[in-house]
Amino acid sequence: VLEQTRDLASQVNALGQLDAVIHNA
């Protein structure tokens, strides 16, 4: 679901800077 994917990005950004993302799904 595109809107849930967009929201997931917002959730991740709210947690702070990442070092890496593994696109596993």
mmCIF file of all heavy atoms, coordinates in Angstrom:
data_MODEL
# 
_entry.id   MODEL 
# 
loop_
_atom_site.group_PDB 
_atom_site.id 
_atom_site.type_symbol 
_atom_site.label_atom_id 
_atom_site.label_alt_id 
_atom_site.label_comp_id 
_atom_site.label_asym_id 
_atom_site.label_entity_id 
_atom_site.label_seq_id 
_atom_site.pdbx_PDB_ins_code 
_atom_site.Cartn_x 
_atom_site.Cartn_y 
_atom_site.Cartn_z 
_atom_site.occupancy 
_atom_site.B_iso_or_equiv 
_atom_site.pdbx_formal_charge 
_atom_site.auth_seq_id 
_atom_site.auth_comp_id 
_atom_site.auth_asym_id 
_atom_site.auth_atom_id 
_atom_site.pdbx_PDB_model_num 
ATOM 1   N N   . VAL A 1 1  ? 0.859  -1.191  0.000  1.00 0.00 ? 1  VAL A N   1 
ATOM 2   C CA  . VAL A 1 1  ? 0.000  0.000   0.000  1.00 0.00 ? 1  VAL A CA  1 
ATOM 3   C C   . VAL A 1 1  ? 0.892  1.237   0.000  1.00 0.00 ? 1  VAL A C   1 
ATOM 4   O O   . VAL A 1 1  ? 1.640  1.472   0.954  1.00 0.00 ? 1  VAL A O   1 
ATOM 5   C CB  . VAL A 1 1  ? -0.929 0.008   1.233  1.00 0.00 ? 1  VAL A CB  1 
ATOM 6   C CG1 . VAL A 1 1  ? -1.817 1.242   1.227  1.00 0.00 ? 1  VAL A CG1 1 
ATOM 7   C CG2 . VAL A 1 1  ? -1.760 -1.275  1.274  1.00 0.00 ? 1  VAL A CG2 1 
ATOM 8   N N   . LEU A 1 2  ? 0.805  2.033   -1.046 1.00 0.00 ? 2  LEU A N   1 
ATOM 9   C CA  . LEU A 1 2  ? 1.724  3.157   -1.219 1.00 0.00 ? 2  LEU A CA  1 
ATOM 10  C C   . LEU A 1 2  ? 1.691  4.118   -0.040 1.00 0.00 ? 2  LEU A C   1 
ATOM 11  O O   . LEU A 1 2  ? 2.750  4.548   0.443  1.00 0.00 ? 2  LEU A O   1 
ATOM 12  C CB  . LEU A 1 2  ? 1.386  3.900   -2.516 1.00 0.00 ? 2  LEU A CB  1 
ATOM 13  C CG  . LEU A 1 2  ? 2.224  5.145   -2.819 1.00 0.00 ? 2  LEU A CG  1 
ATOM 14  C CD1 . LEU A 1 2  ? 3.707  4.813   -2.909 1.00 0.00 ? 2  LEU A CD1 1 
ATOM 15  C CD2 . LEU A 1 2  ? 1.732  5.793   -4.119 1.00 0.00 ? 2  LEU A CD2 1 
ATOM 16  N N   . GLU A 1 3  ? 0.521  4.467   0.450  1.00 0.00 ? 3  GLU A N   1 
ATOM 17  C CA  . GLU A 1 3  ? 0.438  5.437   1.547  1.00 0.00 ? 3  GLU A CA  1 
ATOM 18  C C   . GLU A 1 3  ? 1.075  4.894   2.821  1.00 0.00 ? 3  GLU A C   1 
ATOM 19  O O   . GLU A 1 3  ? 1.687  5.640   3.586  1.00 0.00 ? 3  GLU A O   1 
ATOM 20  C CB  . GLU A 1 3  ? -1.013 5.843   1.802  1.00 0.00 ? 3  GLU A CB  1 
ATOM 21  C CG  . GLU A 1 3  ? -1.570 6.759   0.724  1.00 0.00 ? 3  GLU A CG  1 
ATOM 22  C CD  . GLU A 1 3  ? -0.664 7.960   0.458  1.00 0.00 ? 3  GLU A CD  1 
ATOM 23  O OE1 . GLU A 1 3  ? -0.257 8.634   1.434  1.00 0.00 ? 3  GLU A OE1 1 
ATOM 24  O OE2 . GLU A 1 3  ? -0.342 8.222   -0.707 1.00 0.00 ? 3  GLU A OE2 1 
ATOM 25  N N   . GLN A 1 4  ? 0.951  3.599   3.053  1.00 0.00 ? 4  GLN A N   1 
ATOM 26  C CA  . GLN A 1 4  ? 1.603  3.018   4.229  1.00 0.00 ? 4  GLN A CA  1 
ATOM 27  C C   . GLN A 1 4  ? 3.123  3.003   4.064  1.00 0.00 ? 4  GLN A C   1 
ATOM 28  O O   . GLN A 1 4  ? 3.860  3.187   5.043  1.00 0.00 ? 4  GLN A O   1 
ATOM 29  C CB  . GLN A 1 4  ? 1.072  1.612   4.495  1.00 0.00 ? 4  GLN A CB  1 
ATOM 30  C CG  . GLN A 1 4  ? -0.369 1.584   4.973  1.00 0.00 ? 4  GLN A CG  1 
ATOM 31  C CD  . GLN A 1 4  ? -0.776 0.238   5.546  1.00 0.00 ? 4  GLN A CD  1 
ATOM 32  O OE1 . GLN A 1 4  ? 0.021  -0.438  6.205  1.00 0.00 ? 4  GLN A OE1 1 
ATOM 33  N NE2 . GLN A 1 4  ? -2.011 -0.153  5.310  1.00 0.00 ? 4  GLN A NE2 1 
ATOM 34  N N   . THR A 1 5  ? 3.589  2.817   2.846  1.00 0.00 ? 5  THR A N   1 
ATOM 35  C CA  . THR A 1 5  ? 5.030  2.870   2.600  1.00 0.00 ? 5  THR A CA  1 
ATOM 36  C C   . THR A 1 5  ? 5.560  4.273   2.843  1.00 0.00 ? 5  THR A C   1 
ATOM 37  O O   . THR A 1 5  ? 6.621  4.458   3.468  1.00 0.00 ? 5  THR A O   1 
ATOM 38  C CB  . THR A 1 5  ? 5.343  2.421   1.166  1.00 0.00 ? 5  THR A CB  1 
ATOM 39  O OG1 . THR A 1 5  ? 4.814  1.106   0.953  1.00 0.00 ? 5  THR A OG1 1 
ATOM 40  C CG2 . THR A 1 5  ? 6.836  2.408   0.896  1.00 0.00 ? 5  THR A CG2 1 
ATOM 41  N N   . ARG A 1 6  ? 4.824  5.270   2.385  1.00 0.00 ? 6  ARG A N   1 
ATOM 42  C CA  . ARG A 1 6  ? 5.232  6.660   2.636  1.00 0.00 ? 6  ARG A CA  1 
ATOM 43  C C   . ARG A 1 6  ? 5.250  6.950   4.139  1.00 0.00 ? 6  ARG A C   1 
ATOM 44  O O   . ARG A 1 6  ? 6.177  7.595   4.643  1.00 0.00 ? 6  ARG A O   1 
ATOM 45  C CB  . ARG A 1 6  ? 4.275  7.631   1.932  1.00 0.00 ? 6  ARG A CB  1 
ATOM 46  C CG  . ARG A 1 6  ? 4.321  7.561   0.416  1.00 0.00 ? 6  ARG A CG  1 
ATOM 47  C CD  . ARG A 1 6  ? 3.273  8.475   -0.202 1.00 0.00 ? 6  ARG A CD  1 
ATOM 48  N NE  . ARG A 1 6  ? 3.587  9.867   0.057  1.00 0.00 ? 6  ARG A NE  1 
ATOM 49  C CZ  . ARG A 1 6  ? 3.926  10.755  -0.875 1.00 0.00 ? 6  ARG A CZ  1 
ATOM 50  N NH1 . ARG A 1 6  ? 4.014  10.385  -2.147 1.00 0.00 ? 6  ARG A NH1 1 
ATOM 51  N NH2 . ARG A 1 6  ? 4.197  11.999  -0.553 1.00 0.00 ? 6  ARG A NH2 1 
ATOM 52  N N   . ASP A 1 7  ? 4.251  6.457   4.842  1.00 0.00 ? 7  ASP A N   1 
ATOM 53  C CA  . ASP A 1 7  ? 4.202  6.673   6.291  1.00 0.00 ? 7  ASP A CA  1 
ATOM 54  C C   . ASP A 1 7  ? 5.349  5.964   6.993  1.00 0.00 ? 7  ASP A C   1 
ATOM 55  O O   . ASP A 1 7  ? 5.892  6.481   7.974  1.00 0.00 ? 7  ASP A O   1 
ATOM 56  C CB  . ASP A 1 7  ? 2.858  6.184   6.836  1.00 0.00 ? 7  ASP A CB  1 
ATOM 57  C CG  . ASP A 1 7  ? 2.750  6.400   8.338  1.00 0.00 ? 7  ASP A CG  1 
ATOM 58  O OD1 . ASP A 1 7  ? 2.698  7.564   8.766  1.00 0.00 ? 7  ASP A OD1 1 
ATOM 59  O OD2 . ASP A 1 7  ? 2.749  5.409   9.094  1.00 0.00 ? 7  ASP A OD2 1 
ATOM 60  N N   . LEU A 1 8  ? 5.718  4.796   6.489  1.00 0.00 ? 8  LEU A N   1 
ATOM 61  C CA  . LEU A 1 8  ? 6.841  4.078   7.084  1.00 0.00 ? 8  LEU A CA  1 
ATOM 62  C C   . LEU A 1 8  ? 8.123  4.903   6.996  1.00 0.00 ? 8  LEU A C   1 
ATOM 63  O O   . LEU A 1 8  ? 8.912  4.959   7.949  1.00 0.00 ? 8  LEU A O   1 
ATOM 64  C CB  . LEU A 1 8  ? 7.035  2.728   6.387  1.00 0.00 ? 8  LEU A CB  1 
ATOM 65  C CG  . LEU A 1 8  ? 8.198  1.866   6.882  1.00 0.00 ? 8  LEU A CG  1 
ATOM 66  C CD1 . LEU A 1 8  ? 8.036  1.497   8.353  1.00 0.00 ? 8  LEU A CD1 1 
ATOM 67  C CD2 . LEU A 1 8  ? 8.332  0.598   6.018  1.00 0.00 ? 8  LEU A CD2 1 
ATOM 68  N N   . ALA A 1 9  ? 8.334  5.556   5.874  1.00 0.00 ? 9  ALA A N   1 
ATOM 69  C CA  . ALA A 1 9  ? 9.509  6.418   5.733  1.00 0.00 ? 9  ALA A CA  1 
ATOM 70  C C   . ALA A 1 9  ? 9.491  7.517   6.790  1.00 0.00 ? 9  ALA A C   1 
ATOM 71  O O   . ALA A 1 9  ? 10.530 7.833   7.393  1.00 0.00 ? 9  ALA A O   1 
ATOM 72  C CB  . ALA A 1 9  ? 9.559  7.021   4.333  1.00 0.00 ? 9  ALA A CB  1 
ATOM 73  N N   . SER A 1 10 ? 8.324  8.079   7.051  1.00 0.00 ? 10 SER A N   1 
ATOM 74  C CA  . SER A 1 10 ? 8.212  9.121   8.087  1.00 0.00 ? 10 SER A CA  1 
ATOM 75  C C   . SER A 1 10 ? 8.518  8.551   9.466  1.00 0.00 ? 10 SER A C   1 
ATOM 76  O O   . SER A 1 10 ? 9.188  9.204   10.286 1.00 0.00 ? 10 SER A O   1 
ATOM 77  C CB  . SER A 1 10 ? 6.805  9.728   8.067  1.00 0.00 ? 10 SER A CB  1 
ATOM 78  O OG  . SER A 1 10 ? 6.556  10.380  6.840  1.00 0.00 ? 10 SER A OG  1 
ATOM 79  N N   . GLN A 1 11 ? 8.032  7.342   9.734  1.00 0.00 ? 11 GLN A N   1 
ATOM 80  C CA  . GLN A 1 11 ? 8.321  6.697   11.021 1.00 0.00 ? 11 GLN A CA  1 
ATOM 81  C C   . GLN A 1 11 ? 9.826  6.490   11.203 1.00 0.00 ? 11 GLN A C   1 
ATOM 82  O O   . GLN A 1 11 ? 10.374 6.725   12.279 1.00 0.00 ? 11 GLN A O   1 
ATOM 83  C CB  . GLN A 1 11 ? 7.619  5.347   11.104 1.00 0.00 ? 11 GLN A CB  1 
ATOM 84  C CG  . GLN A 1 11 ? 6.101  5.385   11.159 1.00 0.00 ? 11 GLN A CG  1 
ATOM 85  C CD  . GLN A 1 11 ? 5.541  3.967   11.255 1.00 0.00 ? 11 GLN A CD  1 
ATOM 86  O OE1 . GLN A 1 11 ? 5.848  3.223   12.185 1.00 0.00 ? 11 GLN A OE1 1 
ATOM 87  N NE2 . GLN A 1 11 ? 4.731  3.579   10.282 1.00 0.00 ? 11 GLN A NE2 1 
ATOM 88  N N   . VAL A 1 12 ? 10.476 6.057   10.142 1.00 0.00 ? 12 VAL A N   1 
ATOM 89  C CA  . VAL A 1 12 ? 11.923 5.820   10.216 1.00 0.00 ? 12 VAL A CA  1 
ATOM 90  C C   . VAL A 1 12 ? 12.661 7.135   10.443 1.00 0.00 ? 12 VAL A C   1 
ATOM 91  O O   . VAL A 1 12 ? 13.554 7.228   11.300 1.00 0.00 ? 12 VAL A O   1 
ATOM 92  C CB  . VAL A 1 12 ? 12.420 5.126   8.931  1.00 0.00 ? 12 VAL A CB  1 
ATOM 93  C CG1 . VAL A 1 12 ? 13.949 5.061   8.913  1.00 0.00 ? 12 VAL A CG1 1 
ATOM 94  C CG2 . VAL A 1 12 ? 11.841 3.719   8.818  1.00 0.00 ? 12 VAL A CG2 1 
ATOM 95  N N   . ASN A 1 13 ? 12.293 8.166   9.704  1.00 0.00 ? 13 ASN A N   1 
ATOM 96  C CA  . ASN A 1 13 ? 12.971 9.455   9.846  1.00 0.00 ? 13 ASN A CA  1 
ATOM 97  C C   . ASN A 1 13 ? 12.809 10.030  11.246 1.00 0.00 ? 13 ASN A C   1 
ATOM 98  O O   . ASN A 1 13 ? 13.711 10.698  11.763 1.00 0.00 ? 13 ASN A O   1 
ATOM 99  C CB  . ASN A 1 13 ? 12.442 10.439  8.806  1.00 0.00 ? 13 ASN A CB  1 
ATOM 100 C CG  . ASN A 1 13 ? 12.954 10.136  7.407  1.00 0.00 ? 13 ASN A CG  1 
ATOM 101 O OD1 . ASN A 1 13 ? 14.021 9.543   7.238  1.00 0.00 ? 13 ASN A OD1 1 
ATOM 102 N ND2 . ASN A 1 13 ? 12.198 10.525  6.399  1.00 0.00 ? 13 ASN A ND2 1 
ATOM 103 N N   . ALA A 1 14 ? 11.674 9.758   11.871 1.00 0.00 ? 14 ALA A N   1 
ATOM 104 C CA  . ALA A 1 14 ? 11.436 10.268  13.223 1.00 0.00 ? 14 ALA A CA  1 
ATOM 105 C C   . ALA A 1 14 ? 12.379 9.638   14.249 1.00 0.00 ? 14 ALA A C   1 
ATOM 106 O O   . ALA A 1 14 ? 12.581 10.200  15.332 1.00 0.00 ? 14 ALA A O   1 
ATOM 107 C CB  . ALA A 1 14 ? 9.983  10.012  13.630 1.00 0.00 ? 14 ALA A CB  1 
ATOM 108 N N   . LEU A 1 15 ? 12.962 8.489   13.908 1.00 0.00 ? 15 LEU A N   1 
ATOM 109 C CA  . LEU A 1 15 ? 13.876 7.809   14.828 1.00 0.00 ? 15 LEU A CA  1 
ATOM 110 C C   . LEU A 1 15 ? 15.313 8.315   14.704 1.00 0.00 ? 15 LEU A C   1 
ATOM 111 O O   . LEU A 1 15 ? 16.166 7.944   15.501 1.00 0.00 ? 15 LEU A O   1 
ATOM 112 C CB  . LEU A 1 15 ? 13.837 6.299   14.582 1.00 0.00 ? 15 LEU A CB  1 
ATOM 113 C CG  . LEU A 1 15 ? 12.501 5.622   14.912 1.00 0.00 ? 15 LEU A CG  1 
ATOM 114 C CD1 . LEU A 1 15 ? 12.523 4.164   14.471 1.00 0.00 ? 15 LEU A CD1 1 
ATOM 115 C CD2 . LEU A 1 15 ? 12.188 5.719   16.399 1.00 0.00 ? 15 LEU A CD2 1 
ATOM 116 N N   . GLY A 1 16 ? 15.584 9.134   13.705 1.00 0.00 ? 16 GLY A N   1 
ATOM 117 C CA  . GLY A 1 16 ? 16.920 9.693   13.554 1.00 0.00 ? 16 GLY A CA  1 
ATOM 118 C C   . GLY A 1 16 ? 17.690 9.103   12.393 1.00 0.00 ? 16 GLY A C   1 
ATOM 119 O O   . GLY A 1 16 ? 17.215 8.201   11.694 1.00 0.00 ? 16 GLY A O   1 
ATOM 120 N N   . GLN A 1 17 ? 18.868 9.624   12.184 1.00 0.00 ? 17 GLN A N   1 
ATOM 121 C CA  . GLN A 1 17 ? 19.710 9.245   11.050 1.00 0.00 ? 17 GLN A CA  1 
ATOM 122 C C   . GLN A 1 17 ? 20.113 7.768   11.097 1.00 0.00 ? 17 GLN A C   1 
ATOM 123 O O   . GLN A 1 17 ? 20.509 7.261   12.135 1.00 0.00 ? 17 GLN A O   1 
ATOM 124 C CB  . GLN A 1 17 ? 20.972 10.110  11.035 1.00 0.00 ? 17 GLN A CB  1 
ATOM 125 C CG  . GLN A 1 17 ? 21.927 9.808   9.902  1.00 0.00 ? 17 GLN A CG  1 
ATOM 126 C CD  . GLN A 1 17 ? 21.380 10.184  8.543  1.00 0.00 ? 17 GLN A CD  1 
ATOM 127 O OE1 . GLN A 1 17 ? 20.845 11.274  8.365  1.00 0.00 ? 17 GLN A OE1 1 
ATOM 128 N NE2 . GLN A 1 17 ? 21.465 9.274   7.587  1.00 0.00 ? 17 GLN A NE2 1 
ATOM 129 N N   . LEU A 1 18 ? 20.013 7.120   9.952  1.00 0.00 ? 18 LEU A N   1 
ATOM 130 C CA  . LEU A 1 18 ? 20.433 5.729   9.809  1.00 0.00 ? 18 LEU A CA  1 
ATOM 131 C C   . LEU A 1 18 ? 21.834 5.649   9.225  1.00 0.00 ? 18 LEU A C   1 
ATOM 132 O O   . LEU A 1 18 ? 22.281 6.547   8.510  1.00 0.00 ? 18 LEU A O   1 
ATOM 133 C CB  . LEU A 1 18 ? 19.485 4.981   8.873  1.00 0.00 ? 18 LEU A CB  1 
ATOM 134 C CG  . LEU A 1 18 ? 18.025 4.841   9.276  1.00 0.00 ? 18 LEU A CG  1 
ATOM 135 C CD1 . LEU A 1 18 ? 17.229 4.251   8.119  1.00 0.00 ? 18 LEU A CD1 1 
ATOM 136 C CD2 . LEU A 1 18 ? 17.889 3.984   10.513 1.00 0.00 ? 18 LEU A CD2 1 
ATOM 137 N N   . ASP A 1 19 ? 22.489 4.524   9.496  1.00 0.00 ? 19 ASP A N   1 
ATOM 138 C CA  . ASP A 1 19 ? 23.736 4.205   8.811  1.00 0.00 ? 19 ASP A CA  1 
ATOM 139 C C   . ASP A 1 19 ? 23.488 3.338   7.581  1.00 0.00 ? 19 ASP A C   1 
ATOM 140 O O   . ASP A 1 19 ? 24.233 3.432   6.596  1.00 0.00 ? 19 ASP A O   1 
ATOM 141 C CB  . ASP A 1 19 ? 24.690 3.483   9.761  1.00 0.00 ? 19 ASP A CB  1 
ATOM 142 C CG  . ASP A 1 19 ? 25.140 4.392   10.894 1.00 0.00 ? 19 ASP A CG  1 
ATOM 143 O OD1 . ASP A 1 19 ? 25.854 5.369   10.624 1.00 0.00 ? 19 ASP A OD1 1 
ATOM 144 O OD2 . ASP A 1 19 ? 24.753 4.126   12.049 1.00 0.00 ? 19 ASP A OD2 1 
ATOM 145 N N   . ALA A 1 20 ? 22.467 2.478   7.639  1.00 0.00 ? 20 ALA A N   1 
ATOM 146 C CA  . ALA A 1 20 ? 22.220 1.564   6.524  1.00 0.00 ? 20 ALA A CA  1 
ATOM 147 C C   . ALA A 1 20 ? 20.753 1.153   6.481  1.00 0.00 ? 20 ALA A C   1 
ATOM 148 O O   . ALA A 1 20 ? 20.073 1.107   7.515  1.00 0.00 ? 20 ALA A O   1 
ATOM 149 C CB  . ALA A 1 20 ? 23.101 0.325   6.643  1.00 0.00 ? 20 ALA A CB  1 
ATOM 150 N N   . VAL A 1 21 ? 20.289 0.849   5.280  1.00 0.00 ? 21 VAL A N   1 
ATOM 151 C CA  . VAL A 1 21 ? 18.974 0.239   5.075  1.00 0.00 ? 21 VAL A CA  1 
ATOM 152 C C   . VAL A 1 21 ? 19.178 -1.035  4.271  1.00 0.00 ? 21 VAL A C   1 
ATOM 153 O O   . VAL A 1 21 ? 19.870 -1.032  3.243  1.00 0.00 ? 21 VAL A O   1 
ATOM 154 C CB  . VAL A 1 21 ? 18.009 1.174   4.320  1.00 0.00 ? 21 VAL A CB  1 
ATOM 155 C CG1 . VAL A 1 21 ? 16.682 0.455   4.058  1.00 0.00 ? 21 VAL A CG1 1 
ATOM 156 C CG2 . VAL A 1 21 ? 17.767 2.458   5.093  1.00 0.00 ? 21 VAL A CG2 1 
ATOM 157 N N   . ILE A 1 22 ? 18.586 -2.128  4.750  1.00 0.00 ? 22 ILE A N   1 
ATOM 158 C CA  . ILE A 1 22 ? 18.559 -3.387  4.001  1.00 0.00 ? 22 ILE A CA  1 
ATOM 159 C C   . ILE A 1 22 ? 17.131 -3.576  3.490  1.00 0.00 ? 22 ILE A C   1 
ATOM 160 O O   . ILE A 1 22 ? 16.204 -3.807  4.271  1.00 0.00 ? 22 ILE A O   1 
ATOM 161 C CB  . ILE A 1 22 ? 18.981 -4.583  4.872  1.00 0.00 ? 22 ILE A CB  1 
ATOM 162 C CG1 . ILE A 1 22 ? 20.408 -4.387  5.394  1.00 0.00 ? 22 ILE A CG1 1 
ATOM 163 C CG2 . ILE A 1 22 ? 18.878 -5.881  4.071  1.00 0.00 ? 22 ILE A CG2 1 
ATOM 164 C CD1 . ILE A 1 22 ? 20.879 -5.471  6.361  1.00 0.00 ? 22 ILE A CD1 1 
ATOM 165 N N   . HIS A 1 23 ? 16.961 -3.429  2.179  1.00 0.00 ? 23 HIS A N   1 
ATOM 166 C CA  . HIS A 1 23 ? 15.642 -3.586  1.551  1.00 0.00 ? 23 HIS A CA  1 
ATOM 167 C C   . HIS A 1 23 ? 15.431 -5.076  1.298  1.00 0.00 ? 23 HIS A C   1 
ATOM 168 O O   . HIS A 1 23 ? 15.719 -5.600  0.216  1.00 0.00 ? 23 HIS A O   1 
ATOM 169 C CB  . HIS A 1 23 ? 15.572 -2.776  0.257  1.00 0.00 ? 23 HIS A CB  1 
ATOM 170 C CG  . HIS A 1 23 ? 15.612 -1.300  0.462  1.00 0.00 ? 23 HIS A CG  1 
ATOM 171 N ND1 . HIS A 1 23 ? 14.514 -0.587  0.891  1.00 0.00 ? 23 HIS A ND1 1 
ATOM 172 C CD2 . HIS A 1 23 ? 16.620 -0.402  0.319  1.00 0.00 ? 23 HIS A CD2 1 
ATOM 173 C CE1 . HIS A 1 23 ? 14.831 0.693   0.986  1.00 0.00 ? 23 HIS A CE1 1 
ATOM 174 N NE2 . HIS A 1 23 ? 16.105 0.836   0.656  1.00 0.00 ? 23 HIS A NE2 1 
ATOM 175 N N   . ASN A 1 24 ? 14.923 -5.751  2.311  1.00 0.00 ? 24 ASN A N   1 
ATOM 176 C CA  . ASN A 1 24 ? 14.814 -7.208  2.303  1.00 0.00 ? 24 ASN A CA  1 
ATOM 177 C C   . ASN A 1 24 ? 13.426 -7.707  1.909  1.00 0.00 ? 24 ASN A C   1 
ATOM 178 O O   . ASN A 1 24 ? 13.303 -8.790  1.335  1.00 0.00 ? 24 ASN A O   1 
ATOM 179 C CB  . ASN A 1 24 ? 15.168 -7.731  3.692  1.00 0.00 ? 24 ASN A CB  1 
ATOM 180 C CG  . ASN A 1 24 ? 14.837 -9.191  3.871  1.00 0.00 ? 24 ASN A CG  1 
ATOM 181 O OD1 . ASN A 1 24 ? 15.596 -10.062 3.484  1.00 0.00 ? 24 ASN A OD1 1 
ATOM 182 N ND2 . ASN A 1 24 ? 13.672 -9.465  4.467  1.00 0.00 ? 24 ASN A ND2 1 
ATOM 183 N N   . ALA A 1 25 ? 12.371 -6.965  2.224  1.00 0.00 ? 25 ALA A N   1 
ATOM 184 C CA  . ALA A 1 25 ? 10.998 -7.451  2.032  1.00 0.00 ? 25 ALA A CA  1 
ATOM 185 C C   . ALA A 1 25 ? 10.762 -7.854  0.580  1.00 0.00 ? 25 ALA A C   1 
ATOM 186 O O   . ALA A 1 25 ? 11.182 -7.164  -0.355 1.00 0.00 ? 25 ALA A O   1 
ATOM 187 C CB  . ALA A 1 25 ? 9.996  -6.378  2.446  1.00 0.00 ? 25 ALA A CB  1 
# 
